[in-house]
Protein backbone atom coordinates (compact mmCIF):
# COMPACT_ATOMS: atom_id res chain seq x y z
CA MET A 1 -33.52 -32.74 72.01
CA ALA A 2 -31.63 -33.34 69.05
CA ASP A 3 -27.74 -34.01 69.08
CA TYR A 4 -24.71 -35.23 67.26
CA ALA A 5 -24.89 -37.99 69.25
CA GLY A 6 -28.61 -38.93 68.64
CA ALA A 7 -27.57 -38.12 64.86
CA VAL A 8 -24.94 -40.74 65.04
CA ALA A 9 -27.71 -43.26 67.04
CA ALA A 10 -29.90 -42.56 63.89
CA ILE A 11 -27.64 -43.55 61.40
CA PHE A 12 -26.98 -47.12 62.93
CA ALA A 13 -30.64 -47.42 64.13
CA ARG A 14 -31.40 -46.71 60.28
CA LEU A 15 -28.79 -49.39 59.31
CA GLN A 16 -30.34 -51.78 61.78
CA ALA A 17 -33.89 -51.12 60.08
CA GLN A 18 -32.90 -51.61 56.55
CA TRP A 19 -30.11 -54.26 56.42
CA THR A 20 -30.87 -57.96 57.06
CA ALA A 21 -28.00 -59.79 54.83
CA THR A 22 -25.76 -60.43 57.14
CA PRO A 23 -24.82 -59.52 61.00
CA LEU A 24 -23.94 -56.12 61.60
CA ALA A 25 -21.02 -55.27 64.25
CA PHE A 26 -20.60 -51.59 65.57
CA PRO A 27 -17.86 -49.53 67.54
CA ASN A 28 -17.53 -50.96 71.29
CA GLY A 29 -19.78 -53.70 70.58
CA ALA A 30 -19.58 -57.84 70.11
CA ARG A 31 -18.50 -58.98 67.05
CA PRO A 32 -20.87 -61.34 65.49
CA ALA A 33 -20.56 -64.97 65.47
CA GLU A 34 -18.30 -65.45 62.15
CA VAL A 35 -19.41 -69.19 61.45
CA ASP A 36 -22.89 -69.94 60.34
CA PRO A 37 -24.51 -72.22 63.10
CA ASP A 38 -26.36 -74.29 60.18
CA THR A 39 -23.63 -74.87 57.91
CA GLY A 40 -20.71 -74.31 59.86
CA GLN A 41 -18.82 -72.26 57.25
CA LEU A 42 -17.74 -68.64 57.50
CA ARG A 43 -20.43 -66.21 56.74
CA PRO A 44 -20.27 -62.20 55.55
CA TRP A 45 -20.90 -59.56 57.99
CA VAL A 46 -20.65 -55.72 58.15
CA TYR A 47 -18.75 -53.46 60.68
CA ALA A 48 -20.62 -50.19 60.72
CA GLU A 49 -18.71 -46.84 62.22
CA VAL A 50 -19.46 -43.07 61.77
CA ILE A 51 -16.21 -40.77 61.63
CA GLY A 52 -16.71 -37.30 62.22
CA ALA A 53 -14.84 -34.56 60.89
CA GLY A 54 -15.49 -31.64 62.73
CA SER A 55 -17.95 -28.71 62.44
CA SER A 56 -18.79 -25.03 61.59
CA ILE A 57 -21.28 -21.79 61.99
CA VAL A 58 -22.72 -21.64 58.61
CA GLY A 59 -25.54 -19.20 59.36
CA ALA A 60 -25.66 -15.81 61.31
CA GLY A 61 -27.82 -15.31 64.28
CA VAL A 62 -28.27 -14.21 68.03
CA PRO A 63 -26.48 -16.83 70.32
CA ARG A 64 -28.38 -20.00 70.75
CA ASP A 65 -29.93 -19.29 67.38
CA HIS A 66 -27.00 -20.55 65.15
CA VAL A 67 -26.80 -22.95 62.49
CA TYR A 68 -23.85 -25.64 62.71
CA VAL A 69 -23.12 -28.03 60.06
CA TYR A 70 -21.08 -31.41 61.60
CA ASP A 71 -19.55 -33.22 58.73
CA GLY A 72 -18.71 -36.84 58.68
CA LEU A 73 -18.00 -40.12 56.85
CA ILE A 74 -20.19 -43.34 57.34
CA LYS A 75 -17.94 -45.93 56.79
CA LEU A 76 -19.51 -49.75 56.05
CA HIS A 77 -17.06 -52.16 55.95
CA VAL A 78 -18.12 -55.58 54.24
CA PHE A 79 -16.22 -59.07 55.22
CA THR A 80 -16.55 -61.75 53.56
CA PRO A 81 -14.46 -65.29 53.80
CA SER A 82 -11.15 -65.01 51.72
CA GLY A 83 -11.15 -67.59 48.71
CA LEU A 84 -14.44 -66.97 47.65
CA ASP A 85 -16.05 -64.99 44.58
CA ALA A 86 -15.38 -61.20 45.40
CA ALA A 87 -18.62 -60.00 44.19
CA ALA A 88 -20.45 -60.95 47.27
CA GLY A 89 -18.60 -58.09 48.86
CA PHE A 90 -19.00 -55.57 46.14
CA GLN A 91 -22.82 -56.72 46.13
CA HIS A 92 -23.33 -55.94 49.50
CA ALA A 93 -21.31 -52.87 49.58
CA VAL A 94 -23.44 -51.49 46.69
CA ALA A 95 -26.47 -52.23 48.74
CA LEU A 96 -25.69 -50.67 52.07
CA GLY A 97 -24.90 -47.34 49.97
CA GLU A 98 -28.00 -47.40 48.73
CA ILE A 99 -29.79 -47.42 52.31
CA PHE A 100 -27.96 -43.88 52.64
CA ARG A 101 -27.79 -42.83 49.18
CA THR A 102 -28.94 -38.73 49.36
CA GLN A 103 -31.23 -39.19 52.22
CA GLU A 104 -32.70 -36.76 54.81
CA PHE A 105 -33.43 -38.32 58.41
CA TYR A 106 -33.44 -37.47 62.36
CA ASN A 107 -35.40 -34.59 61.37
CA GLU A 108 -38.15 -34.80 63.64
CA THR A 109 -36.80 -31.68 65.67
CA PRO A 110 -37.09 -28.47 63.70
CA GLY A 111 -33.67 -27.22 62.54
CA HIS A 112 -31.91 -30.62 62.99
CA CYS A 113 -31.31 -33.65 60.32
CA VAL A 114 -29.10 -35.66 58.86
CA ARG A 115 -28.02 -35.48 55.44
CA SER A 116 -26.45 -38.39 53.61
CA TRP A 117 -25.10 -38.29 50.03
CA SER A 118 -23.67 -40.93 47.41
CA PRO A 119 -21.69 -43.85 48.57
CA ARG A 120 -17.99 -44.40 47.35
CA PHE A 121 -16.58 -47.68 47.27
CA ASP A 122 -13.15 -48.83 47.67
CA ASP A 123 -11.43 -51.73 45.57
CA GLY A 124 -11.27 -53.98 48.60
CA GLY A 125 -8.42 -56.00 50.24
CA ASP A 126 -7.38 -57.98 53.08
CA GLY A 127 -9.90 -57.93 55.76
CA ASP A 128 -7.59 -59.11 58.64
CA SER A 129 -4.07 -59.98 59.22
CA ASP A 130 -5.02 -63.92 59.59
CA GLY A 131 -5.88 -64.11 55.78
CA LEU A 132 -9.55 -65.22 56.12
CA TRP A 133 -11.42 -61.97 55.30
CA PHE A 134 -11.66 -60.26 52.22
CA ARG A 135 -12.77 -56.59 52.90
CA VAL A 136 -14.75 -53.94 50.94
CA THR A 137 -15.63 -50.71 52.62
CA THR A 138 -18.69 -48.10 51.45
CA THR A 139 -18.42 -44.63 52.55
CA ILE A 140 -20.99 -42.17 52.74
CA PRO A 141 -20.32 -38.37 53.26
CA PHE A 142 -22.85 -37.05 55.48
CA GLU A 143 -23.74 -33.64 57.50
CA TYR A 144 -25.92 -33.03 60.49
CA TRP A 145 -27.28 -29.87 60.49
CA HIS A 146 -28.10 -28.60 63.96
CA ARG A 147 -29.70 -25.24 65.10
CA GLY A 148 -28.82 -23.98 68.63
């Protein structure tokens, strides 16, 4: 049965299936190795998170046959080594946003789906307190539609 936890898992699965340019990190998971084993240099990586913003009933119906919409944000934080051209961080951020731009997925169960919208990008900034990383964040609004 489809549910919100499955929707979040589907978001992460879509990202993993379509993104190979850098290592990925997820909530409650290990951070990827920051140093490229081939060059010994710091390498870009991405931290992905989903932030829920609540839910509401949007359709009338009998009990167990309502339509709920869960609103949220997919946040993809691109970390590139400080001191390098910031363009690489922005290029990754844009490419990550395109994975989710106006998509519908996790729709195998009738009445359930994730719909993602147009990505937004911030201006970038410090990625950590040590000054090793430059961060650019892509934010994609999404809705999880659930009939139940």
